[in-house]
Amino acid sequence: MKRTISIVLLALIAIVANAQQRFTVRDSLTQEPIAFTSVWFGNETGGYTNESGTIEMPEGTERIRLSHICYEAKNISVTDISGHTVLLVPKSIPLAEVCVSAKSPKRTKLTTMGRVKEKTQTCHRGANGFEMALFIPYDSTWSSAPYIHSILASLDYSTHWLTFTTIKKPIYATLRLDLRKPDALTGTPRDESVINGGIIIQSDQRVGKDGIKLANPIPFPKTGVFVVVEWITTAAVSRSQDLVPALNMTLNAKESQTWNKKTFRGMGWMREEDEPAYKNEGAQVFYKGRTPSAKLGLKISK
């Protein structure tokens, strides 16, 4: 009997301990779970909430930072988590004006902007919590702002470049494709989406050459716009784990207007030409003084 009670007590302790390591992120207004919230645990570790808004913390976590493009970021102590729930406050973002016309729609002629048509000369492997962005400026010769119809991304879904050391098969990432304005002071992508949080591409979907259409075309921002791709997985992987797909890159002699961000390393946005990986001798020989630029782009109608 005593042995049975001991086993039950140990099981209950294990359940309680496990429950304390898990929490759910919810919208503070609707109480709906927030999928794919970025959670940084410190010490170069982090992860994303799953489709149910839930995530498990590693042992020894003391503080966490939560961020989502549609919500205000939050830094809290683990001891402040109440009822295994963390609430995030939605951002209040003014939407651009949209002109509605009663005229019959005409066939729209689309033009490609960005670097997707340039030669692929290398690729950038994805990692959990990694973001890459290409800035596309507004053309001062336009008589009026064109409309953005689609986001383009040249992606490599092959797996021959993977090194199977810690895993036995490729991990396909969920992607978030987004459009963001530049920050007026730093020039980096702002933490606000101009298309309501971006477009989620599930891990079993692929982005083709025609890209991803916006639900509603939007006017091209006169500040210029960043095309952003973010790699997401809820699988248990290290921060350096290569994820499929990779992003194809081209090489330019001038600055590339490409930026990257490594959230789970505690690193903010940096220009691609300032990436430490390009500073060593081997990289300098390979790149010959050129800078990798992300093959991202847009389809617009003038």
C-alpha atoms as a PDB file:
ATOM      1  CA  MET A   1       0.000   0.000   0.000  1.00  0.00           C
ATOM      2  CA  LYS A   2       2.794   2.432   0.974  1.00  0.00           C
ATOM      3  CA  ARG A   3       4.597   1.616  -2.242  1.00  0.00           C
ATOM      4  CA  THR A   4       1.461   2.357  -4.274  1.00  0.00           C
ATOM      5  CA  ILE A   5       0.992   5.721  -2.526  1.00  0.00           C
ATOM      6  CA  SER A   6       4.627   6.621  -3.162  1.00  0.00           C
ATOM      7  CA  ILE A   7       4.301   5.845  -6.867  1.00  0.00           C
ATOM      8  CA  VAL A   8       1.144   7.960  -7.119  1.00  0.00           C
ATOM      9  CA  LEU A   9       2.819  10.869  -5.305  1.00  0.00           C
ATOM     10  CA  LEU A  10       5.858  10.710  -7.578  1.00  0.00           C
ATOM     11  CA  ALA A  11       3.588  10.696 -10.654  1.00  0.00           C
ATOM     12  CA  LEU A  12       1.686  13.725  -9.346  1.00  0.00           C
ATOM     13  CA  ILE A  13       4.941  15.577  -8.664  1.00  0.00           C
ATOM     14  CA  ALA A  14       6.116  14.823 -12.201  1.00  0.00           C
ATOM     15  CA  ILE A  15       2.828  16.072 -13.647  1.00  0.00           C
ATOM     16  CA  VAL A  16       2.949  19.281 -11.612  1.00  0.00           C
ATOM     17  CA  ALA A  17       6.592  19.898 -12.537  1.00  0.00           C
ATOM     18  CA  ASN A  18       5.823  19.380 -16.210  1.00  0.00           C
ATOM     19  CA  ALA A  19       2.797  21.686 -16.018  1.00  0.00           C
ATOM     20  CA  GLN A  20       4.936  24.416 -14.465  1.00  0.00           C
ATOM     21  CA  GLN A  21       7.280  24.258 -17.448  1.00  0.00           C
ATOM     22  CA  ARG A  22       4.484  24.812 -19.946  1.00  0.00           C
ATOM     23  CA  PHE A  23       2.371  27.891 -20.523  1.00  0.00           C
ATOM     24  CA  THR A  24      -0.027  29.273 -23.118  1.00  0.00           C
ATOM     25  CA  VAL A  25       0.141  32.710 -24.737  1.00  0.00           C
ATOM     26  CA  ARG A  26      -3.247  34.377 -25.244  1.00  0.00           C
ATOM     27  CA  ASP A  27      -4.720  37.590 -26.632  1.00  0.00           C
ATOM     28  CA  SER A  28      -5.493  39.902 -23.697  1.00  0.00           C
ATOM     29  CA  LEU A  29      -8.793  40.998 -25.284  1.00  0.00           C
ATOM     30  CA  THR A  30     -10.209  37.844 -26.855  1.00  0.00           C
ATOM     31  CA  GLN A  31      -8.395  35.225 -24.746  1.00  0.00           C
ATOM     32  CA  GLU A  32      -7.671  33.361 -27.984  1.00  0.00           C
ATOM     33  CA  PRO A  33      -4.347  31.461 -28.100  1.00  0.00           C
ATOM     34  CA  ILE A  34      -1.601  33.123 -30.163  1.00  0.00           C
ATOM     35  CA  ALA A  35       0.236  30.705 -32.433  1.00  0.00           C
ATOM     36  CA  PHE A  36       3.877  31.234 -33.463  1.00  0.00           C
ATOM     37  CA  THR A  37       4.746  33.682 -30.702  1.00  0.00           C
ATOM     38  CA  SER A  38       8.529  34.015 -30.390  1.00  0.00           C
ATOM     39  CA  VAL A  39       9.725  33.193 -26.865  1.00  0.00           C
ATOM     40  CA  TRP A  40      13.348  33.892 -25.937  1.00  0.00           C
ATOM     41  CA  PHE A  41      14.602  32.063 -22.840  1.00  0.00           C
ATOM     42  CA  GLY A  42      18.036  33.711 -22.767  1.00  0.00           C
ATOM     43  CA  ASN A  43      21.373  31.885 -23.086  1.00  0.00           C
ATOM     44  CA  GLU A  44      20.873  31.802 -26.876  1.00  0.00           C
ATOM     45  CA  THR A  45      17.807  29.560 -26.638  1.00  0.00           C
ATOM     46  CA  GLY A  46      14.225  30.129 -27.654  1.00  0.00           C
ATOM     47  CA  GLY A  47      11.265  28.728 -29.519  1.00  0.00           C
ATOM     48  CA  TYR A  48       7.792  29.388 -30.889  1.00  0.00           C
ATOM     49  CA  THR A  49       4.386  28.598 -29.447  1.00  0.00           C
ATOM     50  CA  ASN A  50       2.508  25.910 -31.344  1.00  0.00           C
ATOM     51  CA  GLU A  51      -0.878  26.256 -33.066  1.00  0.00           C
ATOM     52  CA  SER A  52      -2.525  26.134 -29.621  1.00  0.00           C
ATOM     53  CA  GLY A  53      -0.347  28.956 -28.319  1.00  0.00           C
ATOM     54  CA  THR A  54       1.558  26.622 -25.967  1.00  0.00           C
ATOM     55  CA  ILE A  55       5.293  26.260 -25.374  1.00  0.00           C
ATOM     56  CA  GLU A  56       7.509  24.380 -22.935  1.00  0.00           C
ATOM     57  CA  MET A  57      10.338  26.143 -21.124  1.00  0.00           C
ATOM     58  CA  PRO A  58      13.727  24.551 -20.533  1.00  0.00           C
ATOM     59  CA  GLU A  59      14.717  23.893 -16.940  1.00  0.00           C
ATOM     60  CA  GLY A  60      16.407  26.768 -15.151  1.00  0.00           C
ATOM     61  CA  THR A  61      14.635  29.500 -17.141  1.00  0.00           C
ATOM     62  CA  GLU A  62      14.280  32.662 -15.052  1.00  0.00           C
ATOM     63  CA  ARG A  63      13.089  35.332 -17.447  1.00  0.00           C
ATOM     64  CA  ILE A  64      11.486  35.249 -20.892  1.00  0.00           C
ATOM     65  CA  ARG A  65      10.845  37.704 -23.699  1.00  0.00           C
ATOM     66  CA  LEU A  66       7.763  37.241 -25.856  1.00  0.00           C
ATOM     67  CA  SER A  67       7.279  38.927 -29.219  1.00  0.00           C
ATOM     68  CA  HIS A  68       4.812  38.701 -32.088  1.00  0.00           C
ATOM     69  CA  ILE A  69       4.463  41.085 -34.999  1.00  0.00           C
ATOM     70  CA  CYS A  70       0.809  41.818 -34.062  1.00  0.00           C
ATOM     71  CA  TYR A  71       1.351  42.272 -30.313  1.00  0.00           C
ATOM     72  CA  GLU A  72       3.322  44.408 -27.892  1.00  0.00           C
ATOM     73  CA  ALA A  73       6.543  42.666 -26.783  1.00  0.00           C
ATOM     74  CA  LYS A  74       6.701  41.511 -23.171  1.00  0.00           C
ATOM     75  CA  ASN A  75       9.561  40.775 -20.751  1.00  0.00           C
ATOM     76  CA  ILE A  76       8.589  38.899 -17.601  1.00  0.00           C
ATOM     77  CA  SER A  77       9.972  36.728 -14.832  1.00  0.00           C
ATOM     78  CA  VAL A  78       8.896  33.090 -14.902  1.00  0.00           C
ATOM     79  CA  THR A  79       7.549  33.562 -11.358  1.00  0.00           C
ATOM     80  CA  ASP A  80       5.096  36.137 -12.709  1.00  0.00           C
ATOM     81  CA  ILE A  81       3.342  33.620 -14.951  1.00  0.00           C
ATOM     82  CA  SER A  82      -0.120  33.172 -13.439  1.00  0.00           C
ATOM     83  CA  GLY A  83      -2.234  30.107 -14.150  1.00  0.00           C
ATOM     84  CA  HIS A  84       0.213  28.936 -16.839  1.00  0.00           C
ATOM     85  CA  THR A  85      -1.024  31.773 -19.078  1.00  0.00           C
ATOM     86  CA  VAL A  86       0.696  34.869 -20.469  1.00  0.00           C
ATOM     87  CA  LEU A  87      -1.406  37.634 -22.019  1.00  0.00           C
ATOM     88  CA  LEU A  88      -0.175  39.836 -24.865  1.00  0.00           C
ATOM     89  CA  VAL A  89      -1.720  43.183 -25.778  1.00  0.00           C
ATOM     90  CA  PRO A  90      -2.604  43.694 -29.473  1.00  0.00           C
ATOM     91  CA  LYS A  91      -0.820  46.529 -31.257  1.00  0.00           C
ATOM     92  CA  SER A  92      -2.909  49.438 -32.469  1.00  0.00           C
ATOM     93  CA  ILE A  93      -1.763  50.038 -36.045  1.00  0.00           C
ATOM     94  CA  PRO A  94      -3.486  52.615 -38.314  1.00  0.00           C
ATOM     95  CA  LEU A  95      -4.356  51.164 -41.715  1.00  0.00           C
ATOM     96  CA  ALA A  96      -3.644  52.905 -45.010  1.00  0.00           C
ATOM     97  CA  GLU A  97      -6.556  54.519 -46.818  1.00  0.00           C
ATOM     98  CA  VAL A  98      -8.124  52.420 -49.561  1.00  0.00           C
ATOM     99  CA  CYS A  99      -9.937  53.938 -52.531  1.00  0.00           C
ATOM    100  CA  VAL A 100     -13.066  52.013 -53.566  1.00  0.00           C
ATOM    101  CA  SER A 101     -14.284  52.462 -57.151  1.00  0.00           C
ATOM    102  CA  ALA A 102     -17.529  51.380 -58.826  1.00  0.00           C
ATOM    103  CA  LYS A 103     -15.805  51.025 -62.201  1.00  0.00           C
ATOM    104  CA  SER A 104     -15.406  47.609 -63.774  1.00  0.00           C
ATOM    105  CA  PRO A 105     -11.953  46.165 -63.019  1.00  0.00           C
ATOM    106  CA  LYS A 106      -9.440  46.137 -65.857  1.00  0.00           C
ATOM    107  CA  ARG A 107      -6.809  43.538 -66.456  1.00  0.00           C
ATOM    108  CA  THR A 108      -3.862  44.521 -64.261  1.00  0.00           C
ATOM    109  CA  LYS A 109      -0.332  44.551 -65.675  1.00  0.00           C
ATOM    110  CA  LEU A 110       2.147  43.520 -62.988  1.00  0.00           C
ATOM    111  CA  THR A 111       5.804  44.502 -62.710  1.00  0.00           C
ATOM    112  CA  THR A 112       8.447  42.715 -60.632  1.00  0.00           C
ATOM    113  CA  MET A 113      10.643  44.627 -58.167  1.00  0.00           C
ATOM    114  CA  GLY A 114      13.490  43.375 -55.997  1.00  0.00           C
ATOM    115  CA  ARG A 115      16.221  40.831 -56.697  1.00  0.00           C
ATOM    116  CA  VAL A 116      14.361  37.597 -57.487  1.00  0.00           C
ATOM    117  CA  LYS A 117      15.394  37.671 -61.162  1.00  0.00           C
ATOM    118  CA  GLU A 118      19.107  38.038 -60.450  1.00  0.00           C
ATOM    119  CA  LYS A 119      21.564  35.150 -60.631  1.00  0.00           C
ATOM    120  CA  THR A 120      21.644  32.762 -57.671  1.00  0.00           C
ATOM    121  CA  GLN A 121      25.229  32.599 -56.415  1.00  0.00           C
ATOM    122  CA  THR A 122      24.823  31.253 -52.883  1.00  0.00           C
ATOM    123  CA  CYS A 123      22.084  30.569 -50.346  1.00  0.00           C
ATOM    124  CA  HIS A 124      21.379  31.384 -46.718  1.00  0.00           C
ATOM    125  CA  ARG A 125      20.294  28.463 -44.582  1.00  0.00           C
ATOM    126  CA  GLY A 126      17.316  29.034 -42.333  1.00  0.00           C
ATOM    127  CA  ALA A 127      17.395  28.706 -38.543  1.00  0.00           C
ATOM    128  CA  ASN A 128      14.694  28.919 -35.904  1.00  0.00           C
ATOM    129  CA  GLY A 129      13.903  32.530 -35.086  1.00  0.00           C
ATOM    130  CA  PHE A 130      15.990  33.836 -37.982  1.00  0.00           C
ATOM    131  CA  GLU A 131      14.679  36.694 -40.145  1.00  0.00           C
ATOM    132  CA  MET A 132      15.985  38.193 -43.356  1.00  0.00           C
ATOM    133  CA  ALA A 133      14.742  41.334 -45.070  1.00  0.00           C
ATOM    134  CA  LEU A 134      15.343  43.192 -48.333  1.00  0.00           C
ATOM    135  CA  PHE A 135      14.603  46.921 -48.547  1.00  0.00           C
ATOM    136  CA  ILE A 136      12.875  48.087 -51.738  1.00  0.00           C
ATOM    137  CA  PRO A 137      12.816  51.894 -52.077  1.00  0.00           C
ATOM    138  CA  TYR A 138       9.984  54.010 -53.434  1.00  0.00           C
ATOM    139  CA  ASP A 139      10.679  55.269 -56.955  1.00  0.00           C
ATOM    140  CA  SER A 140      10.544  59.071 -56.978  1.00  0.00           C
ATOM    141  CA  THR A 141       9.637  59.056 -60.698  1.00  0.00           C
ATOM    142  CA  TRP A 142       6.261  57.417 -60.033  1.00  0.00           C
ATOM    143  CA  SER A 143       3.413  59.859 -60.633  1.00  0.00           C
ATOM    144  CA  SER A 144       1.324  57.994 -58.066  1.00  0.00           C
ATOM    145  CA  ALA A 145       1.898  55.117 -55.660  1.00  0.00           C
ATOM    146  CA  PRO A 146       1.584  51.689 -57.325  1.00  0.00           C
ATOM    147  CA  TYR A 147      -0.158  48.805 -55.575  1.00  0.00           C
ATOM    148  CA  ILE A 148       1.617  45.766 -54.145  1.00  0.00           C
ATOM    149  CA  HIS A 149      -0.099  42.529 -55.216  1.00  0.00           C
ATOM    150  CA  SER A 150       2.305  39.706 -54.278  1.00  0.00           C
ATOM    151  CA  ILE A 151       5.377  38.887 -52.216  1.00  0.00           C
ATOM    152  CA  LEU A 152       8.158  37.011 -54.033  1.00  0.00           C
ATOM    153  CA  ALA A 153      10.823  34.777 -52.489  1.00  0.00           C
ATOM    154  CA  SER A 154      13.398  32.591 -54.259  1.00  0.00           C
ATOM    155  CA  LEU A 155      13.692  29.553 -51.997  1.00  0.00           C
ATOM    156  CA  ASP A 156      15.738  26.355 -52.203  1.00  0.00           C
ATOM    157  CA  TYR A 157      13.801  23.310 -50.978  1.00  0.00           C
ATOM    158  CA  SER A 158      16.584  20.813 -51.751  1.00  0.00           C
ATOM    159  CA  THR A 159      18.335  19.033 -48.885  1.00  0.00           C
ATOM    160  CA  HIS A 160      21.703  18.027 -50.376  1.00  0.00           C
ATOM    161  CA  TRP A 161      23.486  20.820 -48.461  1.00  0.00           C
ATOM    162  CA  LEU A 162      22.289  19.616 -45.048  1.00  0.00           C
ATOM    163  CA  THR A 163      24.718  17.978 -42.660  1.00  0.00           C
ATOM    164  CA  PHE A 164      22.854  15.211 -40.844  1.00  0.00           C
ATOM    165  CA  THR A 165      24.619  15.234 -37.500  1.00  0.00           C
ATOM    166  CA  THR A 166      22.033  15.950 -34.816  1.00  0.00           C
ATOM    167  CA  ILE A 167      18.984  14.962 -36.878  1.00  0.00           C
ATOM    168  CA  LYS A 168      18.254  12.092 -39.227  1.00  0.00           C
ATOM    169  CA  LYS A 169      15.872  13.889 -41.580  1.00  0.00           C
ATOM    170  CA  PRO A 170      15.262  17.473 -42.762  1.00  0.00           C
ATOM    171  CA  ILE A 171      13.062  19.814 -40.717  1.00  0.00           C
ATOM    172  CA  TYR A 172      10.801  21.918 -42.911  1.00  0.00           C
ATOM    173  CA  ALA A 173      10.081  25.323 -41.421  1.00  0.00           C
ATOM    174  CA  THR A 174       6.883  27.306 -41.352  1.00  0.00           C
ATOM    175  CA  LEU A 175       7.552  30.702 -42.952  1.00  0.00           C
ATOM    176  CA  ARG A 176       6.127  34.127 -42.258  1.00  0.00           C
ATOM    177  CA  LEU A 177       6.298  36.461 -45.288  1.00  0.00           C
ATOM    178  CA  ASP A 178       5.729  40.054 -44.302  1.00  0.00           C
ATOM    179  CA  LEU A 179       5.951  43.698 -45.388  1.00  0.00           C
ATOM    180  CA  ARG A 180       7.257  46.349 -42.999  1.00  0.00           C
ATOM    181  CA  LYS A 181       8.177  50.017 -43.191  1.00  0.00           C
ATOM    182  CA  PRO A 182      11.690  51.164 -42.225  1.00  0.00           C
ATOM    183  CA  ASP A 183      12.324  52.807 -38.879  1.00  0.00           C
ATOM    184  CA  ALA A 184      12.838  56.549 -39.351  1.00  0.00           C
ATOM    185  CA  LEU A 185      15.934  56.620 -37.123  1.00  0.00           C
ATOM    186  CA  THR A 186      17.719  53.308 -37.645  1.00  0.00           C
ATOM    187  CA  GLY A 187      16.529  52.298 -41.115  1.00  0.00           C
ATOM    188  CA  THR A 188      15.807  48.771 -39.832  1.00  0.00           C
ATOM    189  CA  PRO A 189      12.474  46.978 -40.360  1.00  0.00           C
ATOM    190  CA  ARG A 190       9.904  48.230 -37.870  1.00  0.00           C
ATOM    191  CA  ASP A 191       8.175  45.802 -35.492  1.00  0.00           C
ATOM    192  CA  GLU A 192       4.873  46.494 -37.223  1.00  0.00           C
ATOM    193  CA  SER A 193       3.397  44.660 -40.186  1.00  0.00           C
ATOM    194  CA  VAL A 194       1.615  46.582 -42.952  1.00  0.00           C
ATOM    195  CA  ILE A 195      -0.325  43.457 -43.966  1.00  0.00           C
ATOM    196  CA  ASN A 196      -1.897  42.460 -40.649  1.00  0.00           C
ATOM    197  CA  GLY A 197       0.828  40.221 -39.300  1.00  0.00           C
ATOM    198  CA  GLY A 198       2.175  38.773 -42.503  1.00  0.00           C
ATOM    199  CA  ILE A 199       1.295  35.594 -44.379  1.00  0.00           C
ATOM    200  CA  ILE A 200       1.973  32.202 -42.788  1.00  0.00           C
ATOM    201  CA  ILE A 201       3.230  29.492 -45.142  1.00  0.00           C
ATOM    202  CA  GLN A 202       2.868  26.112 -43.436  1.00  0.00           C
ATOM    203  CA  SER A 203       5.765  23.657 -43.493  1.00  0.00           C
ATOM    204  CA  ASP A 204       3.982  21.412 -46.010  1.00  0.00           C
ATOM    205  CA  GLN A 205       3.414  24.299 -48.451  1.00  0.00           C
ATOM    206  CA  ARG A 206       5.830  25.772 -50.971  1.00  0.00           C
ATOM    207  CA  VAL A 207       6.354  29.248 -52.350  1.00  0.00           C
ATOM    208  CA  GLY A 208       6.479  29.098 -56.141  1.00  0.00           C
ATOM    209  CA  LYS A 209       7.885  31.523 -58.702  1.00  0.00           C
ATOM    210  CA  ASP A 210       4.641  33.522 -58.709  1.00  0.00           C
ATOM    211  CA  GLY A 211       5.021  34.176 -54.993  1.00  0.00           C
ATOM    212  CA  ILE A 212       2.185  34.686 -52.540  1.00  0.00           C
ATOM    213  CA  LYS A 213      -0.727  36.996 -53.359  1.00  0.00           C
ATOM    214  CA  LEU A 214      -1.927  39.512 -50.808  1.00  0.00           C
ATOM    215  CA  ALA A 215      -5.574  39.159 -49.812  1.00  0.00           C
ATOM    216  CA  ASN A 216      -5.983  42.830 -50.774  1.00  0.00           C
ATOM    217  CA  PRO A 217      -3.440  44.871 -52.757  1.00  0.00           C
ATOM    218  CA  ILE A 218      -1.965  47.781 -50.760  1.00  0.00           C
ATOM    219  CA  PRO A 219      -0.420  51.093 -51.849  1.00  0.00           C
ATOM    220  CA  PHE A 220       3.377  51.047 -52.006  1.00  0.00           C
ATOM    221  CA  PRO A 221       4.587  52.982 -48.916  1.00  0.00           C
ATOM    222  CA  LYS A 222       6.394  56.214 -49.831  1.00  0.00           C
ATOM    223  CA  THR A 223       8.962  55.372 -47.149  1.00  0.00           C
ATOM    224  CA  GLY A 224       9.926  52.273 -49.106  1.00  0.00           C
ATOM    225  CA  VAL A 225       9.188  48.804 -47.788  1.00  0.00           C
ATOM    226  CA  PHE A 226      11.013  45.776 -46.424  1.00  0.00           C
ATOM    227  CA  VAL A 227      10.148  42.287 -47.690  1.00  0.00           C
ATOM    228  CA  VAL A 228      10.714  40.006 -44.690  1.00  0.00           C
ATOM    229  CA  VAL A 229      10.964  36.229 -44.363  1.00  0.00           C
ATOM    230  CA  GLU A 230      10.990  34.527 -40.944  1.00  0.00           C
ATOM    231  CA  TRP A 231      11.785  30.858 -40.231  1.00  0.00           C
ATOM    232  CA  ILE A 232       9.577  29.185 -37.603  1.00  0.00           C
ATOM    233  CA  THR A 233       9.471  25.688 -36.163  1.00  0.00           C
ATOM    234  CA  THR A 234       7.984  24.259 -32.991  1.00  0.00           C
ATOM    235  CA  ALA A 235      10.298  21.236 -33.247  1.00  0.00           C
ATOM    236  CA  ALA A 236      12.999  20.870 -30.596  1.00  0.00           C
ATOM    237  CA  VAL A 237      16.070  22.158 -32.446  1.00  0.00           C
ATOM    238  CA  SER A 238      19.177  24.101 -31.533  1.00  0.00           C
ATOM    239  CA  ARG A 239      19.490  27.742 -32.562  1.00  0.00           C
ATOM    240  CA  SER A 240      22.015  26.787 -35.253  1.00  0.00           C
ATOM    241  CA  GLN A 241      19.990  23.943 -36.763  1.00  0.00           C
ATOM    242  CA  ASP A 242      19.609  24.261 -40.537  1.00  0.00           C
ATOM    243  CA  LEU A 243      15.981  24.394 -41.640  1.00  0.00           C
ATOM    244  CA  VAL A 244      14.460  23.848 -45.083  1.00  0.00           C
ATOM    245  CA  PRO A 245      14.011  25.921 -47.191  1.00  0.00           C
ATOM    246  CA  ALA A 246      17.145  27.998 -47.672  1.00  0.00           C
ATOM    247  CA  LEU A 247      16.877  31.498 -49.148  1.00  0.00           C
ATOM    248  CA  ASN A 248      18.698  32.007 -52.441  1.00  0.00           C
ATOM    249  CA  MET A 249      21.134  34.921 -52.560  1.00  0.00           C
ATOM    250  CA  THR A 250      22.881  36.953 -55.232  1.00  0.00           C
ATOM    251  CA  LEU A 251      26.136  38.913 -54.862  1.00  0.00           C
ATOM    252  CA  ASN A 252      26.589  42.664 -55.264  1.00  0.00           C
ATOM    253  CA  ALA A 253      29.598  44.946 -55.268  1.00  0.00           C
ATOM    254  CA  LYS A 254      27.654  47.694 -53.492  1.00  0.00           C
ATOM    255  CA  GLU A 255      25.742  47.517 -50.213  1.00  0.00           C
ATOM    256  CA  SER A 256      22.946  45.015 -50.561  1.00  0.00           C
ATOM    257  CA  GLN A 257      20.030  46.587 -48.652  1.00  0.00           C
ATOM    258  CA  THR A 258      19.676  43.158 -47.054  1.00  0.00           C
ATOM    259  CA  TRP A 259      19.319  42.862 -43.274  1.00  0.00           C
ATOM    260  CA  ASN A 260      19.162  39.886 -40.922  1.00  0.00           C
ATOM    261  CA  LYS A 261      18.047  39.286 -37.337  1.00  0.00           C
ATOM    262  CA  LYS A 262      18.857  36.423 -34.953  1.00  0.00           C
ATOM    263  CA  THR A 263      16.241  36.689 -32.214  1.00  0.00           C
ATOM    264  CA  PHE A 264      17.301  33.685 -30.130  1.00  0.00           C
ATOM    265  CA  ARG A 265      20.906  34.872 -30.001  1.00  0.00           C
ATOM    266  CA  GLY A 266      19.683  38.159 -28.576  1.00  0.00           C
ATOM    267  CA  MET A 267      20.808  39.976 -31.739  1.00  0.00           C
ATOM    268  CA  GLY A 268      18.789  42.708 -33.423  1.00  0.00           C
ATOM    269  CA  TRP A 269      18.749  43.722 -37.070  1.00  0.00           C
ATOM    270  CA  MET A 270      22.121  44.120 -38.805  1.00  0.00           C
ATOM    271  CA  ARG A 271      23.124  44.803 -42.387  1.00  0.00           C
ATOM    272  CA  GLU A 272      24.171  41.692 -44.260  1.00  0.00           C
ATOM    273  CA  GLU A 273      27.559  43.273 -45.073  1.00  0.00           C
ATOM    274  CA  ASP A 274      28.206  43.592 -41.314  1.00  0.00           C
ATOM    275  CA  GLU A 275      27.613  39.876 -40.709  1.00  0.00           C
ATOM    276  CA  PRO A 276      30.670  38.492 -38.812  1.00  0.00           C
ATOM    277  CA  ALA A 277      30.617  35.295 -40.899  1.00  0.00           C
ATOM    278  CA  TYR A 278      31.783  37.288 -43.941  1.00  0.00           C
ATOM    279  CA  LYS A 279      34.832  38.760 -42.183  1.00  0.00           C
ATOM    280  CA  ASN A 280      37.054  35.659 -42.154  1.00  0.00           C
ATOM    281  CA  GLU A 281      39.665  35.062 -44.853  1.00  0.00           C
ATOM    282  CA  GLY A 282      37.873  32.142 -46.512  1.00  0.00           C
ATOM    283  CA  ALA A 283      34.655  34.123 -46.896  1.00  0.00           C
ATOM    284  CA  GLN A 284      36.530  37.128 -48.279  1.00  0.00           C
ATOM    285  CA  VAL A 285      38.133  34.939 -50.962  1.00  0.00           C
ATOM    286  CA  PHE A 286      34.793  33.349 -51.895  1.00  0.00           C
ATOM    287  CA  TYR A 287      32.755  36.570 -52.003  1.00  0.00           C
ATOM    288  CA  LYS A 288      35.548  38.704 -53.576  1.00  0.00           C
ATOM    289  CA  GLY A 289      34.429  41.813 -51.739  1.00  0.00           C
ATOM    290  CA  ARG A 290      30.811  41.392 -52.771  1.00  0.00           C
ATOM    291  CA  THR A 291      27.837  41.292 -50.407  1.00  0.00           C
ATOM    292  CA  PRO A 292      25.113  38.598 -50.452  1.00  0.00           C
ATOM    293  CA  SER A 293      21.675  40.035 -51.218  1.00  0.00           C
ATOM    294  CA  ALA A 294      18.415  38.234 -50.498  1.00  0.00           C
ATOM    295  CA  LYS A 295      16.433  37.177 -53.555  1.00  0.00           C
ATOM    296  CA  LEU A 296      13.171  38.683 -52.353  1.00  0.00           C
ATOM    297  CA  GLY A 297      10.780  40.935 -54.215  1.00  0.00           C
ATOM    298  CA  LEU A 298       7.314  42.206 -55.038  1.00  0.00           C
ATOM    299  CA  LYS A 299       4.803  42.209 -57.860  1.00  0.00           C
ATOM    300  CA  ILE A 300       3.286  45.657 -58.263  1.00  0.00           C
ATOM    301  CA  SER A 301       0.852  47.391 -60.600  1.00  0.00           C
ATOM    302  CA  LYS A 302       1.701  50.934 -61.706  1.00  0.00           C
END
